[in-house]
Amino acid sequence: MGKTIVVKQIGSPIRRPEKQRKTLIGLGLNKMHKTRELEDTPSTRGMVNKIPHLVKIIEERG
């Protein structure tokens, strides 16, 4: 695995549009304060940039 980023969910998907909920699920997040280590690809970065109010990049490794 190359570069990775650690993403943490900081916002609730309650009362959010369906697209934002599905983006969270696509990142592997569904509960508050859950973290995931994901491969640093343009598609992952794009998903994170679509919902900056719901997720936060904790650290970048690589």
PDB file of N, CA and C in Angstrom:
ATOM      1  N   MET A   1       0.844  -1.175   0.000  1.00  0.00           N
ATOM      2  CA  MET A   1       0.000   0.000   0.000  1.00  0.00           C
ATOM      3  C   MET A   1       0.888   1.237   0.000  1.00  0.00           C
ATOM      4  N   GLY A   2       0.528   2.266  -0.763  1.00  0.00           N
ATOM      5  CA  GLY A   2       1.318   3.487  -0.845  1.00  0.00           C
ATOM      6  C   GLY A   2       0.951   4.465   0.256  1.00  0.00           C
ATOM      7  N   LYS A   3       0.676   5.673  -0.143  1.00  0.00           N
ATOM      8  CA  LYS A   3       0.287   6.700   0.816  1.00  0.00           C
ATOM      9  C   LYS A   3      -1.112   6.420   1.343  1.00  0.00           C
ATOM     10  N   THR A   4      -1.311   6.749   2.612  1.00  0.00           N
ATOM     11  CA  THR A   4      -2.635   6.579   3.210  1.00  0.00           C
ATOM     12  C   THR A   4      -3.000   7.828   3.990  1.00  0.00           C
ATOM     13  N   ILE A   5      -4.299   7.989   4.225  1.00  0.00           N
ATOM     14  CA  ILE A   5      -4.800   9.063   5.073  1.00  0.00           C
ATOM     15  C   ILE A   5      -5.716   8.441   6.118  1.00  0.00           C
ATOM     16  N   VAL A   6      -5.748   9.041   7.294  1.00  0.00           N
ATOM     17  CA  VAL A   6      -6.645   8.602   8.352  1.00  0.00           C
ATOM     18  C   VAL A   6      -7.768   9.627   8.433  1.00  0.00           C
ATOM     19  N   VAL A   7      -8.999   9.162   8.227  1.00  0.00           N
ATOM     20  CA  VAL A   7     -10.172  10.030   8.181  1.00  0.00           C
ATOM     21  C   VAL A   7     -11.068   9.725   9.380  1.00  0.00           C
ATOM     22  N   LYS A   8     -11.572  10.773  10.028  1.00  0.00           N
ATOM     23  CA  LYS A   8     -12.461  10.603  11.181  1.00  0.00           C
ATOM     24  C   LYS A   8     -13.788  11.297  10.898  1.00  0.00           C
ATOM     25  N   GLN A   9     -14.874  10.626  11.234  1.00  0.00           N
ATOM     26  CA  GLN A   9     -16.192  11.227  11.060  1.00  0.00           C
ATOM     27  C   GLN A   9     -16.461  12.147  12.243  1.00  0.00           C
ATOM     28  N   ILE A  10     -16.772  13.422  11.955  1.00  0.00           N
ATOM     29  CA  ILE A  10     -17.012  14.394  13.017  1.00  0.00           C
ATOM     30  C   ILE A  10     -18.442  14.922  13.016  1.00  0.00           C
ATOM     31  N   GLY A  11     -19.220  14.567  11.998  1.00  0.00           N
ATOM     32  CA  GLY A  11     -20.597  15.045  11.905  1.00  0.00           C
ATOM     33  C   GLY A  11     -21.571  13.901  11.706  1.00  0.00           C
ATOM     34  N   SER A  12     -22.812  14.160  12.087  1.00  0.00           N
ATOM     35  CA  SER A  12     -23.847  13.144  11.969  1.00  0.00           C
ATOM     36  C   SER A  12     -24.529  13.207  10.603  1.00  0.00           C
ATOM     37  N   PRO A  13     -24.857  12.053  10.025  1.00  0.00           N
ATOM     38  CA  PRO A  13     -25.557  12.057   8.745  1.00  0.00           C
ATOM     39  C   PRO A  13     -27.062  12.302   8.873  1.00  0.00           C
ATOM     40  N   ILE A  14     -27.544  12.458  10.087  1.00  0.00           N
ATOM     41  CA  ILE A  14     -28.977  12.708  10.293  1.00  0.00           C
ATOM     42  C   ILE A  14     -29.345  14.053   9.668  1.00  0.00           C
ATOM     43  N   ARG A  15     -30.449  14.081   8.924  1.00  0.00           N
ATOM     44  CA  ARG A  15     -30.970  15.268   8.245  1.00  0.00           C
ATOM     45  C   ARG A  15     -30.001  15.810   7.194  1.00  0.00           C
ATOM     46  N   ARG A  16     -29.237  14.932   6.581  1.00  0.00           N
ATOM     47  CA  ARG A  16     -28.340  15.306   5.483  1.00  0.00           C
ATOM     48  C   ARG A  16     -28.895  14.694   4.201  1.00  0.00           C
ATOM     49  N   PRO A  17     -28.563  15.269   3.054  1.00  0.00           N
ATOM     50  CA  PRO A  17     -29.016  14.691   1.781  1.00  0.00           C
ATOM     51  C   PRO A  17     -28.495  13.264   1.590  1.00  0.00           C
ATOM     52  N   GLU A  18     -29.221  12.494   0.833  1.00  0.00           N
ATOM     53  CA  GLU A  18     -28.887  11.088   0.594  1.00  0.00           C
ATOM     54  C   GLU A  18     -27.491  10.928  -0.010  1.00  0.00           C
ATOM     55  N   LYS A  19     -27.097  11.839  -0.899  1.00  0.00           N
ATOM     56  CA  LYS A  19     -25.766  11.755  -1.522  1.00  0.00           C
ATOM     57  C   LYS A  19     -24.660  11.831  -0.470  1.00  0.00           C
ATOM     58  N   GLN A  20     -24.839  12.698   0.535  1.00  0.00           N
ATOM     59  CA  GLN A  20     -23.825  12.840   1.576  1.00  0.00           C
ATOM     60  C   GLN A  20     -23.760  11.584   2.437  1.00  0.00           C
ATOM     61  N   ARG A  21     -24.902  10.982   2.743  1.00  0.00           N
ATOM     62  CA  ARG A  21     -24.926   9.737   3.517  1.00  0.00           C
ATOM     63  C   ARG A  21     -24.214   8.618   2.754  1.00  0.00           C
ATOM     64  N   LYS A  22     -24.496   8.517   1.466  1.00  0.00           N
ATOM     65  CA  LYS A  22     -23.873   7.465   0.659  1.00  0.00           C
ATOM     66  C   LYS A  22     -22.375   7.686   0.515  1.00  0.00           C
ATOM     67  N   THR A  23     -21.943   8.938   0.498  1.00  0.00           N
ATOM     68  CA  THR A  23     -20.513   9.225   0.442  1.00  0.00           C
ATOM     69  C   THR A  23     -19.832   8.751   1.722  1.00  0.00           C
ATOM     70  N   LEU A  24     -20.462   8.989   2.872  1.00  0.00           N
ATOM     71  CA  LEU A  24     -19.923   8.500   4.145  1.00  0.00           C
ATOM     72  C   LEU A  24     -19.806   6.983   4.131  1.00  0.00           C
ATOM     73  N   ILE A  25     -20.834   6.310   3.661  1.00  0.00           N
ATOM     74  CA  ILE A  25     -20.816   4.850   3.610  1.00  0.00           C
ATOM     75  C   ILE A  25     -19.729   4.377   2.642  1.00  0.00           C
ATOM     76  N   GLY A  26     -19.551   5.101   1.540  1.00  0.00           N
ATOM     77  CA  GLY A  26     -18.504   4.765   0.576  1.00  0.00           C
ATOM     78  C   GLY A  26     -17.105   4.866   1.182  1.00  0.00           C
ATOM     79  N   LEU A  27     -16.945   5.775   2.139  1.00  0.00           N
ATOM     80  CA  LEU A  27     -15.670   5.916   2.837  1.00  0.00           C
ATOM     81  C   LEU A  27     -15.529   4.900   3.971  1.00  0.00           C
ATOM     82  N   GLY A  28     -16.591   4.164   4.247  1.00  0.00           N
ATOM     83  CA  GLY A  28     -16.537   3.163   5.314  1.00  0.00           C
ATOM     84  C   GLY A  28     -16.862   3.740   6.678  1.00  0.00           C
ATOM     85  N   LEU A  29     -17.520   4.888   6.705  1.00  0.00           N
ATOM     86  CA  LEU A  29     -17.885   5.530   7.965  1.00  0.00           C
ATOM     87  C   LEU A  29     -19.403   5.519   8.116  1.00  0.00           C
ATOM     88  N   ASN A  30     -19.873   5.329   9.336  1.00  0.00           N
ATOM     89  CA  ASN A  30     -21.317   5.379   9.561  1.00  0.00           C
ATOM     90  C   ASN A  30     -21.679   5.779  10.986  1.00  0.00           C
ATOM     91  N   LYS A  31     -20.696   5.881  11.863  1.00  0.00           N
ATOM     92  CA  LYS A  31     -20.973   6.268  13.249  1.00  0.00           C
ATOM     93  C   LYS A  31     -20.033   7.398  13.647  1.00  0.00           C
ATOM     94  N   MET A  32     -20.506   8.234  14.534  1.00  0.00           N
ATOM     95  CA  MET A  32     -19.730   9.384  15.002  1.00  0.00           C
ATOM     96  C   MET A  32     -18.396   8.944  15.602  1.00  0.00           C
ATOM     97  N   HIS A  33     -17.352   9.708  15.332  1.00  0.00           N
ATOM     98  CA  HIS A  33     -16.010   9.538  15.886  1.00  0.00           C
ATOM     99  C   HIS A  33     -15.310   8.255  15.440  1.00  0.00           C
ATOM    100  N   LYS A  34     -15.829   7.607  14.400  1.00  0.00           N
ATOM    101  CA  LYS A  34     -15.183   6.421  13.855  1.00  0.00           C
ATOM    102  C   LYS A  34     -14.064   6.864  12.916  1.00  0.00           C
ATOM    103  N   THR A  35     -12.953   6.123  12.917  1.00  0.00           N
ATOM    104  CA  THR A  35     -11.839   6.463  12.031  1.00  0.00           C
ATOM    105  C   THR A  35     -11.574   5.317  11.066  1.00  0.00           C
ATOM    106  N   ARG A  36     -11.022   5.689   9.902  1.00  0.00           N
ATOM    107  CA  ARG A  36     -10.649   4.704   8.887  1.00  0.00           C
ATOM    108  C   ARG A  36      -9.340   5.129   8.263  1.00  0.00           C
ATOM    109  N   GLU A  37      -8.503   4.152   7.968  1.00  0.00           N
ATOM    110  CA  GLU A  37      -7.277   4.418   7.224  1.00  0.00           C
ATOM    111  C   GLU A  37      -7.545   4.034   5.784  1.00  0.00           C
ATOM    112  N   LEU A  38      -7.464   5.005   4.880  1.00  0.00           N
ATOM    113  CA  LEU A  38      -7.801   4.803   3.479  1.00  0.00           C
ATOM    114  C   LEU A  38      -6.610   5.119   2.592  1.00  0.00           C
ATOM    115  N   GLU A  39      -6.568   4.489   1.436  1.00  0.00           N
ATOM    116  CA  GLU A  39      -5.517   4.772   0.462  1.00  0.00           C
ATOM    117  C   GLU A  39      -5.719   6.187  -0.074  1.00  0.00           C
ATOM    118  N   ASP A  40      -4.631   6.928  -0.206  1.00  0.00           N
ATOM    119  CA  ASP A  40      -4.691   8.319  -0.659  1.00  0.00           C
ATOM    120  C   ASP A  40      -4.742   8.362  -2.181  1.00  0.00           C
ATOM    121  N   THR A  41      -5.959   8.346  -2.726  1.00  0.00           N
ATOM    122  CA  THR A  41      -6.170   8.407  -4.168  1.00  0.00           C
ATOM    123  C   THR A  41      -7.004   9.643  -4.488  1.00  0.00           C
ATOM    124  N   PRO A  42      -7.007  10.073  -5.734  1.00  0.00           N
ATOM    125  CA  PRO A  42      -7.845  11.227  -6.101  1.00  0.00           C
ATOM    126  C   PRO A  42      -9.334  10.998  -5.808  1.00  0.00           C
ATOM    127  N   SER A  43      -9.811   9.773  -5.984  1.00  0.00           N
ATOM    128  CA  SER A  43     -11.229   9.512  -5.727  1.00  0.00           C
ATOM    129  C   SER A  43     -11.551   9.622  -4.234  1.00  0.00           C
ATOM    130  N   THR A  44     -10.649   9.134  -3.376  1.00  0.00           N
ATOM    131  CA  THR A  44     -10.854   9.245  -1.933  1.00  0.00           C
ATOM    132  C   THR A  44     -10.817  10.704  -1.503  1.00  0.00           C
ATOM    133  N   ARG A  45      -9.844  11.443  -2.015  1.00  0.00           N
ATOM    134  CA  ARG A  45      -9.745  12.873  -1.688  1.00  0.00           C
ATOM    135  C   ARG A  45     -10.995  13.618  -2.146  1.00  0.00           C
ATOM    136  N   GLY A  46     -11.521  13.256  -3.323  1.00  0.00           N
ATOM    137  CA  GLY A  46     -12.728  13.896  -3.830  1.00  0.00           C
ATOM    138  C   GLY A  46     -13.925  13.640  -2.930  1.00  0.00           C
ATOM    139  N   MET A  47     -14.032  12.409  -2.427  1.00  0.00           N
ATOM    140  CA  MET A  47     -15.135  12.079  -1.526  1.00  0.00           C
ATOM    141  C   MET A  47     -15.018  12.873  -0.224  1.00  0.00           C
ATOM    142  N   VAL A  48     -13.804  12.976   0.293  1.00  0.00           N
ATOM    143  CA  VAL A  48     -13.582  13.735   1.528  1.00  0.00           C
ATOM    144  C   VAL A  48     -13.889  15.216   1.291  1.00  0.00           C
ATOM    145  N   ASN A  49     -13.511  15.748   0.144  1.00  0.00           N
ATOM    146  CA  ASN A  49     -13.754  17.163  -0.157  1.00  0.00           C
ATOM    147  C   ASN A  49     -15.228  17.477  -0.376  1.00  0.00           C
ATOM    148  N   LYS A  50     -16.032  16.474  -0.714  1.00  0.00           N
ATOM    149  CA  LYS A  50     -17.468  16.680  -0.899  1.00  0.00           C
ATOM    150  C   LYS A  50     -18.201  16.861   0.428  1.00  0.00           C
ATOM    151  N   ILE A  51     -17.628  16.302   1.509  1.00  0.00           N
ATOM    152  CA  ILE A  51     -18.304  16.381   2.813  1.00  0.00           C
ATOM    153  C   ILE A  51     -17.344  16.859   3.908  1.00  0.00           C
ATOM    154  N   PRO A  52     -16.713  18.025   3.732  1.00  0.00           N
ATOM    155  CA  PRO A  52     -15.738  18.479   4.737  1.00  0.00           C
ATOM    156  C   PRO A  52     -16.369  18.804   6.087  1.00  0.00           C
ATOM    157  N   HIS A  53     -17.683  19.040   6.110  1.00  0.00           N
ATOM    158  CA  HIS A  53     -18.378  19.333   7.361  1.00  0.00           C
ATOM    159  C   HIS A  53     -18.692  18.067   8.157  1.00  0.00           C
ATOM    160  N   LEU A  54     -18.516  16.891   7.551  1.00  0.00           N
ATOM    161  CA  LEU A  54     -18.798  15.628   8.218  1.00  0.00           C
ATOM    162  C   LEU A  54     -17.555  14.815   8.546  1.00  0.00           C
ATOM    163  N   VAL A  55     -16.449  15.052   7.855  1.00  0.00           N
ATOM    164  CA  VAL A  55     -15.228  14.283   8.086  1.00  0.00           C
ATOM    165  C   VAL A  55     -14.019  15.194   8.234  1.00  0.00           C
ATOM    166  N   LYS A  56     -12.979  14.654   8.834  1.00  0.00           N
ATOM    167  CA  LYS A  56     -11.746  15.407   9.052  1.00  0.00           C
ATOM    168  C   LYS A  56     -10.563  14.464   8.795  1.00  0.00           C
ATOM    169  N   ILE A  57      -9.555  14.955   8.085  1.00  0.00           N
ATOM    170  CA  ILE A  57      -8.350  14.169   7.856  1.00  0.00           C
ATOM    171  C   ILE A  57      -7.471  14.341   9.084  1.00  0.00           C
ATOM    172  N   ILE A  58      -7.258  13.244   9.813  1.00  0.00           N
ATOM    173  CA  ILE A  58      -6.476  13.278  11.050  1.00  0.00           C
ATOM    174  C   ILE A  58      -4.986  13.316  10.729  1.00  0.00           C
ATOM    175  N   GLU A  59      -4.521  12.409   9.859  1.00  0.00           N
ATOM    176  CA  GLU A  59      -3.106  12.388   9.513  1.00  0.00           C
ATOM    177  C   GLU A  59      -2.906  11.790   8.134  1.00  0.00           C
ATOM    178  N   GLU A  60      -1.757  12.115   7.571  1.00  0.00           N
ATOM    179  CA  GLU A  60      -1.359  11.571   6.277  1.00  0.00           C
ATOM    180  C   GLU A  60      -0.093  10.766   6.486  1.00  0.00           C
ATOM    181  N   ARG A  61      -0.106   9.537   6.014  1.00  0.00           N
ATOM    182  CA  ARG A  61       1.052   8.647   6.169  1.00  0.00           C
ATOM    183  C   ARG A  61       1.609   8.289   4.801  1.00  0.00           C
ATOM    184  N   GLY A  62       2.868   8.041   4.768  1.00  0.00           N
ATOM    185  CA  GLY A  62       3.353   7.549   3.511  1.00  0.00           C
ATOM    186  C   GLY A  62       4.674   8.016   3.129  1.00  0.00           C
TER     187      GLY A  62
END
